[in-house]
Amino acid sequence: MLHCAKSASTFLSRLILRQRFLQQQLRAKSSRRYNPRDDDDDAGDKIRKTRENQEGHLHLYKSRGQHILTNPRVLESIVRKSDIKPTDTILEIGPGTGNLTLKLLGVAKKVVAVEIDKRMVEILHNRVAQHGLADRLTVICKDALKTEFPPFDLVVANIPYGISSPLLAKLLFGENPFRSATLLLQKEFARRLLANPGDKEFNRLAVNVKLVAQVEFVMDVSKRDFLPCPKVDSSVIKIHPKAEIPDVDLDEWGAFTRTCFSKKNKTMGATFKQKKKVLELLKLSKMTDPGEENAVDFHRYDCSDDGDEEDEETVSDKGDYFSSSCSELGMNLFREKIIGVLKSGGFEDKRPSKLSNEEFLHLLSLFNQAGIYFHDQSKPRNASNVAFAASYCPL
């Protein structure tokens, strides 16, 4: 009787184990069910590996920002989002081996590619020639920051990360008008361009760019879509230059925003009360035309003695004392003037990270009306856009 009980128990244990095994098998099969997307992913992997094999013989320098975009679906999306017309001339900066270039040549009238690496230029010419499109491609083998661009309608480019800021400034503040720029940038840099007042990423770069253009987010791009694989993901943005921009001295505006964002989370009052900043603005204001109605009257601070001559040593001691006292007096009066401007516009307790471009323009106008300037007014207005652009959009 005991033997029968043991046999029944063993049979039940085996039955339970068998059922569990079958359940595991069924779950494994269901996880391997056909998914149409798998075919797309496999195809994409095969294409990507083929691209890597084609370009694998070429040593790419990460230090130069040489990351080749290899995902054909991303390339096609960039071209589609660029809204290219058949009559357009496209400016492409950093074409590399031509993956994007070939897509652009398929829809545009002409592509002007600026590439500094002669190895890339040779590969680019060969690939384009194989497709019979050589007559529609112009390659400029020079540094994009130092060369003059020919006329173009659109910019479509995978910009090397290291030159994103100065190149963007050159495009926006240069002499070439264009309809839009579709750019593949480092994700963090793109987020800073897209930031709005109150956002954590809001910064001087966003303020300066928004003065002359509108920035639109297009899509994110995984770092795995590049060869070699960079350390960070990327984003595609589209920049639309404004038809009308404010009538403001760009040199004055650039110096003003630099001051405001020196400590972006401090109040404007705290920033402009700093002794170093007051002295700097005081010096610039001395260069203002004294004939202007709102020029600062520095003769009020003149403590020179036109009386009888005194002992040289005595005069020297008095001069040092009075010079120091008058400098301190002048600085305090000028500080009060600055704070008065901030209070009159309601800006003393506001932070630059919360202000809109319209508010910045209004505050700058108030300062200038009071004879307070942030840039040497004796220099010609916007004498060199290229030089200005180099410092206008810092990283």
Protein backbone atom coordinates (compact mmCIF):
# COMPACT_ATOMS: atom_id res chain seq x y z
CA MET A 1 0.00 0.00 0.00
CA LEU A 2 2.86 2.33 0.86
CA HIS A 3 4.57 1.45 -2.41
CA CYS A 4 1.45 2.45 -4.40
CA ALA A 5 1.28 5.81 -2.62
CA LYS A 6 4.91 6.52 -3.49
CA SER A 7 4.33 5.59 -7.14
CA ALA A 8 1.33 7.93 -7.37
CA SER A 9 3.33 10.76 -5.79
CA THR A 10 6.21 10.26 -8.24
CA PHE A 11 3.80 10.20 -11.18
CA LEU A 12 2.19 13.48 -10.11
CA SER A 13 5.59 15.16 -9.65
CA ARG A 14 6.66 14.13 -13.16
CA LEU A 15 3.34 15.33 -14.59
CA ILE A 16 3.76 18.75 -12.96
CA LEU A 17 7.33 19.05 -14.23
CA ARG A 18 6.20 18.11 -17.75
CA GLN A 19 3.45 20.74 -17.71
CA ARG A 20 5.92 23.41 -16.60
CA PHE A 21 8.33 22.41 -19.37
CA LEU A 22 5.57 22.66 -22.00
CA GLN A 23 4.54 26.10 -20.72
CA GLN A 24 8.12 27.33 -21.00
CA GLN A 25 8.34 26.03 -24.55
CA LEU A 26 5.10 27.77 -25.51
CA ARG A 27 6.31 31.08 -24.05
CA ALA A 28 9.59 30.78 -25.95
CA LYS A 29 7.75 30.15 -29.24
CA SER A 30 5.39 33.09 -28.71
CA SER A 31 8.35 35.43 -28.14
CA ARG A 32 9.72 34.35 -31.52
CA ARG A 33 6.54 35.15 -33.44
CA TYR A 34 7.02 36.90 -36.76
CA ASN A 35 7.19 40.68 -36.59
CA PRO A 36 7.30 42.62 -39.90
CA ARG A 37 9.58 45.18 -38.29
CA ASP A 38 12.22 42.53 -37.77
CA ASP A 39 12.74 42.34 -41.53
CA ASP A 40 13.17 46.12 -41.70
CA ASP A 41 15.66 46.08 -38.84
CA ASP A 42 17.61 43.21 -40.41
CA ALA A 43 17.67 45.02 -43.75
CA GLY A 44 18.83 48.20 -42.05
CA ASP A 45 21.60 46.31 -40.26
CA LYS A 46 22.76 44.74 -43.54
CA ILE A 47 22.84 48.14 -45.28
CA ARG A 48 24.64 49.67 -42.32
CA LYS A 49 27.27 46.91 -42.33
CA THR A 50 27.74 47.33 -46.08
CA ARG A 51 28.34 51.06 -45.57
CA GLU A 52 30.80 50.29 -42.82
CA ASN A 53 32.68 47.86 -45.05
CA GLN A 54 32.83 50.45 -47.84
CA GLU A 55 34.15 53.17 -45.53
CA GLY A 56 36.05 50.93 -43.15
CA HIS A 57 39.35 51.38 -45.04
CA LEU A 58 39.25 55.14 -44.34
CA HIS A 59 40.56 56.22 -40.96
CA LEU A 60 38.08 58.69 -39.45
CA TYR A 61 39.21 61.23 -36.86
CA LYS A 62 36.83 61.66 -33.94
CA SER A 63 38.84 64.71 -32.85
CA ARG A 64 37.77 66.43 -36.08
CA GLY A 65 34.16 65.45 -35.62
CA GLN A 66 34.30 62.93 -38.47
CA HIS A 67 31.24 60.77 -37.78
CA ILE A 68 29.60 59.42 -40.94
CA LEU A 69 25.81 59.08 -40.83
CA THR A 70 25.05 55.62 -42.26
CA ASN A 71 21.35 55.01 -41.57
CA PRO A 72 19.53 55.46 -44.94
CA ARG A 73 16.17 56.04 -43.28
CA VAL A 74 17.56 58.95 -41.27
CA LEU A 75 19.24 60.39 -44.36
CA GLU A 76 15.97 60.24 -46.30
CA SER A 77 14.09 61.89 -43.42
CA ILE A 78 16.57 64.78 -43.33
CA VAL A 79 16.17 65.37 -47.06
CA ARG A 80 12.37 65.13 -46.86
CA LYS A 81 12.16 67.57 -43.92
CA SER A 82 14.35 70.08 -45.72
CA ASP A 83 11.56 70.93 -48.23
CA ILE A 84 13.93 71.08 -51.18
CA LYS A 85 12.72 72.48 -54.51
CA PRO A 86 14.05 71.19 -57.88
CA THR A 87 15.53 74.64 -58.53
CA ASP A 88 17.40 74.90 -55.21
CA THR A 89 21.14 75.12 -54.66
CA ILE A 90 22.09 73.34 -51.44
CA LEU A 91 25.05 74.21 -49.23
CA GLU A 92 26.37 71.12 -47.44
CA ILE A 93 29.14 71.54 -44.87
CA GLY A 94 31.17 68.46 -44.01
CA PRO A 95 29.80 66.02 -46.63
CA GLY A 96 32.24 63.29 -45.65
CA THR A 97 32.00 60.31 -48.01
CA GLY A 98 28.80 61.57 -49.62
CA ASN A 99 25.95 59.58 -48.06
CA LEU A 100 23.82 62.70 -47.63
CA THR A 101 25.22 64.39 -50.74
CA LEU A 102 23.88 61.69 -53.05
CA LYS A 103 20.42 62.00 -51.51
CA LEU A 104 20.50 65.78 -51.97
CA LEU A 105 21.62 65.52 -55.60
CA GLY A 106 18.59 63.36 -56.24
CA VAL A 107 16.19 66.21 -55.49
CA ALA A 108 18.10 69.51 -55.86
CA LYS A 109 19.44 71.38 -58.85
CA LYS A 110 22.93 71.71 -57.41
CA VAL A 111 24.94 70.94 -54.27
CA VAL A 112 27.89 73.01 -53.04
CA ALA A 113 29.86 70.86 -50.60
CA VAL A 114 32.54 72.35 -48.32
CA GLU A 115 34.99 69.70 -47.08
CA ILE A 116 38.43 70.31 -45.56
CA ASP A 117 39.65 66.68 -45.72
CA LYS A 118 41.20 65.91 -49.15
CA ARG A 119 40.69 62.16 -48.63
CA MET A 120 36.96 62.70 -48.24
CA VAL A 121 36.88 64.94 -51.32
CA GLU A 122 38.42 62.20 -53.46
CA ILE A 123 35.90 59.60 -52.27
CA LEU A 124 33.04 62.07 -52.72
CA HIS A 125 34.04 62.85 -56.32
CA ASN A 126 34.32 59.15 -57.18
CA ARG A 127 30.95 58.20 -55.70
CA VAL A 128 29.12 61.09 -57.35
CA ALA A 129 30.76 60.34 -60.71
CA GLN A 130 29.64 56.71 -60.50
CA HIS A 131 26.05 57.96 -60.26
CA GLY A 132 26.50 60.33 -63.21
CA LEU A 133 25.87 63.45 -61.10
CA ALA A 134 29.30 65.09 -61.19
CA ASP A 135 28.10 68.10 -63.21
CA ARG A 136 25.72 69.12 -60.41
CA LEU A 137 28.25 69.00 -57.57
CA THR A 138 30.74 71.72 -56.64
CA VAL A 139 33.28 70.82 -53.96
CA ILE A 140 35.21 73.49 -52.04
CA CYS A 141 38.18 71.89 -50.27
CA LYS A 142 38.68 74.54 -47.59
CA ASP A 143 37.93 75.35 -43.95
CA ALA A 144 34.23 76.23 -43.78
CA LEU A 145 34.90 78.90 -41.15
CA LYS A 146 37.45 80.71 -43.30
CA THR A 147 36.04 80.43 -46.82
CA GLU A 148 33.39 82.60 -48.46
CA PHE A 149 30.28 80.68 -49.45
CA PRO A 150 28.80 81.13 -52.94
CA PRO A 151 25.07 81.95 -53.19
CA PHE A 152 22.74 79.17 -51.99
CA ASP A 153 19.07 78.62 -51.17
CA LEU A 154 19.20 76.08 -48.33
CA VAL A 155 21.69 74.58 -45.91
CA VAL A 156 21.47 70.84 -45.25
CA ALA A 157 24.37 69.42 -43.29
CA ASN A 158 25.73 67.06 -40.66
CA ILE A 159 27.92 69.67 -39.00
CA PRO A 160 31.11 68.60 -37.19
CA TYR A 161 30.41 69.07 -33.48
CA GLY A 162 33.56 71.11 -32.84
CA ILE A 163 32.57 74.01 -35.12
CA SER A 164 28.81 74.07 -34.52
CA SER A 165 28.71 77.40 -32.69
CA PRO A 166 30.95 79.57 -34.92
CA LEU A 167 29.55 78.01 -38.08
CA LEU A 168 25.99 78.68 -37.00
CA ALA A 169 26.94 82.29 -36.25
CA LYS A 170 28.57 82.62 -39.68
CA LEU A 171 25.40 81.38 -41.38
CA LEU A 172 22.99 83.55 -39.38
CA PHE A 173 25.03 86.76 -39.38
CA GLY A 174 26.84 86.37 -42.67
CA GLU A 175 26.15 88.02 -46.00
CA ASN A 176 24.37 85.07 -47.66
CA PRO A 177 20.56 85.06 -47.37
CA PHE A 178 18.93 81.63 -47.33
CA ARG A 179 15.48 80.11 -46.85
CA SER A 180 16.25 77.58 -44.12
CA ALA A 181 18.99 75.42 -42.61
CA THR A 182 18.37 71.77 -41.67
CA LEU A 183 21.24 70.78 -39.40
CA LEU A 184 22.29 67.60 -37.61
CA LEU A 185 23.89 68.68 -34.33
CA GLN A 186 24.97 67.28 -31.01
CA LYS A 187 21.79 66.71 -29.00
CA GLU A 188 22.83 68.88 -26.07
CA PHE A 189 23.75 71.77 -28.37
CA ALA A 190 20.42 71.44 -30.20
CA ARG A 191 18.53 71.54 -26.89
CA ARG A 192 20.26 74.79 -25.99
CA LEU A 193 19.18 76.32 -29.29
CA LEU A 194 15.60 75.21 -28.71
CA ALA A 195 15.43 76.42 -25.09
CA ASN A 196 12.88 79.07 -24.07
CA PRO A 197 12.83 81.52 -21.12
CA GLY A 198 12.41 79.57 -17.89
CA ASP A 199 13.91 76.34 -19.29
CA LYS A 200 16.94 74.92 -17.51
CA GLU A 201 18.92 75.01 -20.78
CA PHE A 202 17.99 78.63 -21.61
CA ASN A 203 21.17 80.57 -22.30
CA ARG A 204 22.81 83.40 -24.21
CA LEU A 205 23.15 81.23 -27.32
CA ALA A 206 19.37 80.80 -27.55
CA VAL A 207 18.77 84.52 -26.97
CA ASN A 208 21.21 85.55 -29.70
CA VAL A 209 19.91 83.05 -32.25
CA LYS A 210 16.25 83.88 -31.57
CA LEU A 211 17.01 87.53 -32.32
CA VAL A 212 17.39 86.69 -36.02
CA ALA A 213 15.79 83.26 -36.53
CA GLN A 214 13.22 80.72 -35.40
CA VAL A 215 14.39 77.22 -34.45
CA GLU A 216 12.28 74.09 -35.02
CA PHE A 217 12.91 70.59 -33.64
CA VAL A 218 12.80 67.85 -36.30
CA MET A 219 13.94 64.56 -34.73
CA ASP A 220 16.51 62.81 -32.55
CA VAL A 221 19.17 60.54 -34.08
CA SER A 222 20.83 57.68 -32.19
CA LYS A 223 24.62 57.62 -31.88
CA ARG A 224 24.45 54.05 -33.25
CA ASP A 225 23.55 55.48 -36.67
CA PHE A 226 27.07 56.88 -37.10
CA LEU A 227 30.47 55.48 -37.99
CA PRO A 228 32.51 55.67 -35.84
CA CYS A 229 29.97 55.78 -33.02
CA PRO A 230 30.18 59.10 -31.11
CA LYS A 231 29.74 59.29 -27.34
CA VAL A 232 26.43 61.19 -27.52
CA ASP A 233 23.19 61.20 -29.50
CA SER A 234 22.32 63.87 -32.04
CA SER A 235 19.28 65.91 -33.06
CA VAL A 236 18.08 67.43 -36.30
CA ILE A 237 16.82 71.01 -36.12
CA LYS A 238 15.55 73.41 -38.75
CA ILE A 239 16.39 77.11 -38.62
CA HIS A 240 14.22 79.71 -40.37
CA PRO A 241 15.82 83.19 -40.67
CA LYS A 242 13.37 85.97 -39.79
CA ALA A 243 12.25 88.24 -42.62
CA GLU A 244 12.57 91.25 -40.31
CA ILE A 245 14.95 91.61 -37.37
CA PRO A 246 15.12 94.36 -34.72
CA ASP A 247 17.13 97.47 -35.59
CA VAL A 248 19.84 96.94 -32.99
CA ASP A 249 23.61 97.35 -33.07
CA LEU A 250 24.72 93.71 -33.02
CA ASP A 251 28.02 94.54 -31.31
CA GLU A 252 26.15 96.37 -28.56
CA TRP A 253 23.61 93.55 -28.29
CA GLY A 254 26.33 90.89 -28.09
CA ALA A 255 28.20 92.71 -25.32
CA PHE A 256 24.95 93.36 -23.45
CA THR A 257 23.79 89.71 -23.49
CA ARG A 258 27.28 88.60 -22.47
CA THR A 259 26.99 90.79 -19.38
CA CYS A 260 23.47 89.62 -18.54
CA PHE A 261 24.33 85.92 -18.80
CA SER A 262 27.65 86.11 -16.96
CA LYS A 263 25.62 84.81 -14.00
CA LYS A 264 22.30 83.79 -15.54
CA ASN A 265 20.67 82.73 -12.27
CA LYS A 266 21.52 85.94 -10.44
CA THR A 267 19.12 88.88 -10.48
CA MET A 268 19.93 91.70 -12.87
CA GLY A 269 20.42 94.01 -9.90
CA ALA A 270 23.05 91.71 -8.36
CA THR A 271 24.89 91.39 -11.68
CA PHE A 272 25.03 95.11 -12.42
CA LYS A 273 25.99 96.12 -8.86
CA GLN A 274 29.32 94.31 -9.09
CA LYS A 275 32.22 96.75 -8.76
CA LYS A 276 34.10 95.27 -11.72
CA LYS A 277 31.07 95.59 -13.99
CA VAL A 278 30.31 99.16 -12.86
CA LEU A 279 33.89 100.23 -13.57
CA GLU A 280 33.80 98.56 -16.98
CA LEU A 281 30.58 100.33 -17.99
CA LEU A 282 31.84 103.60 -16.52
CA LYS A 283 34.92 103.42 -18.74
CA LEU A 284 32.83 102.68 -21.84
CA SER A 285 30.46 105.53 -21.07
CA LYS A 286 33.40 107.96 -20.94
CA MET A 287 33.81 107.26 -24.64
CA THR A 288 30.28 108.50 -25.33
CA ASP A 289 29.97 111.72 -27.29
CA PRO A 290 29.74 114.42 -24.58
CA GLY A 291 27.40 116.42 -26.83
CA GLU A 292 24.66 113.82 -26.50
CA GLU A 293 21.76 114.76 -24.30
CA ASN A 294 22.05 111.68 -22.09
CA ALA A 295 25.83 111.47 -21.99
CA VAL A 296 27.27 111.03 -18.52
CA ASP A 297 28.72 114.30 -17.23
CA PHE A 298 32.10 113.23 -15.92
CA HIS A 299 33.17 116.83 -15.24
CA ARG A 300 31.05 116.52 -12.10
CA TYR A 301 33.60 114.02 -10.87
CA ASP A 302 36.67 116.17 -11.77
CA CYS A 303 38.55 117.06 -8.57
CA SER A 304 41.65 118.62 -10.12
CA ASP A 305 43.04 121.76 -8.38
CA ASP A 306 43.64 124.79 -10.60
CA GLY A 307 44.94 126.95 -7.68
CA ASP A 308 48.45 128.00 -6.77
CA GLU A 309 51.32 125.63 -7.18
CA GLU A 310 52.21 123.64 -4.09
CA ASP A 311 55.09 121.47 -3.01
CA GLU A 312 55.45 118.56 -5.46
CA GLU A 313 55.30 115.92 -2.72
CA THR A 314 52.28 117.56 -1.09
CA VAL A 315 50.50 117.78 -4.43
CA SER A 316 51.28 114.13 -5.09
CA ASP A 317 49.83 113.02 -1.76
CA LYS A 318 46.74 115.16 -2.18
CA GLY A 319 46.36 114.00 -5.77
CA ASP A 320 46.35 110.34 -4.77
CA TYR A 321 43.81 111.01 -2.01
CA PHE A 322 41.48 113.12 -4.14
CA SER A 323 41.84 110.83 -7.15
CA SER A 324 40.81 107.87 -5.05
CA SER A 325 37.93 109.75 -3.44
CA CYS A 326 36.65 111.10 -6.75
CA SER A 327 36.92 107.69 -8.44
CA GLU A 328 34.88 106.16 -5.62
CA LEU A 329 32.35 108.98 -5.81
CA GLY A 330 32.05 108.68 -9.57
CA MET A 331 31.63 104.93 -9.39
CA ASN A 332 28.91 105.17 -6.73
CA LEU A 333 26.98 107.79 -8.68
CA PHE A 334 27.24 105.69 -11.83
CA ARG A 335 26.10 102.57 -9.96
CA GLU A 336 23.03 104.49 -8.78
CA LYS A 337 22.37 105.47 -12.38
CA ILE A 338 22.49 101.81 -13.49
CA ILE A 339 20.18 100.66 -10.69
CA GLY A 340 17.82 103.51 -11.52
CA VAL A 341 17.50 102.22 -15.08
CA LEU A 342 16.82 98.67 -13.84
CA LYS A 343 14.16 99.90 -11.41
CA SER A 344 12.47 102.11 -14.01
CA GLY A 345 11.88 99.09 -16.23
CA GLY A 346 11.08 96.69 -13.39
CA PHE A 347 14.18 94.56 -14.07
CA GLU A 348 16.14 94.86 -10.80
CA ASP A 349 14.79 91.61 -9.29
CA LYS A 350 14.41 89.67 -12.53
CA ARG A 351 16.80 86.96 -13.72
CA PRO A 352 18.13 86.74 -17.29
CA SER A 353 17.14 83.07 -17.51
CA LYS A 354 13.49 84.16 -17.32
CA LEU A 355 13.50 87.09 -19.77
CA SER A 356 12.26 87.08 -23.36
CA ASN A 357 14.07 88.72 -26.26
CA GLU A 358 11.54 91.55 -26.25
CA GLU A 359 12.39 92.27 -22.60
CA PHE A 360 16.13 92.20 -23.30
CA LEU A 361 15.68 94.63 -26.20
CA HIS A 362 13.62 96.96 -24.00
CA LEU A 363 16.22 96.94 -21.22
CA LEU A 364 19.06 97.61 -23.64
CA SER A 365 17.11 100.55 -25.06
CA LEU A 366 16.63 101.97 -21.54
CA PHE A 367 20.36 101.71 -20.83
CA ASN A 368 21.34 103.38 -24.10
CA GLN A 369 18.82 106.18 -23.58
CA ALA A 370 20.48 106.84 -20.21
CA GLY A 371 23.91 107.03 -21.84
CA ILE A 372 25.03 103.60 -20.64
CA TYR A 373 26.69 101.43 -23.28
CA PHE A 374 28.18 97.94 -23.39
CA HIS A 375 30.35 98.32 -26.49
CA ASP A 376 32.80 100.99 -27.59
CA GLN A 377 30.61 103.47 -29.47
CA SER A 378 33.62 105.08 -31.16
CA LYS A 379 34.03 101.99 -33.35
CA PRO A 380 31.99 101.66 -36.56
CA ARG A 381 28.68 99.85 -36.10
CA ASN A 382 28.97 96.15 -37.00
CA ALA A 383 32.25 96.84 -38.79
CA SER A 384 32.94 93.15 -39.28
CA ASN A 385 30.14 90.61 -39.17
CA VAL A 386 32.63 87.76 -39.50
CA ALA A 387 34.63 88.88 -36.48
CA PHE A 388 31.43 89.59 -34.59
CA ALA A 389 29.97 86.18 -35.42
CA ALA A 390 32.99 84.41 -33.97
CA SER A 391 32.13 85.70 -30.49
CA TYR A 392 28.38 86.12 -30.81
CA CYS A 393 27.28 82.49 -30.28
CA PRO A 394 29.59 80.91 -27.72
CA LEU A 395 29.28 77.24 -26.82
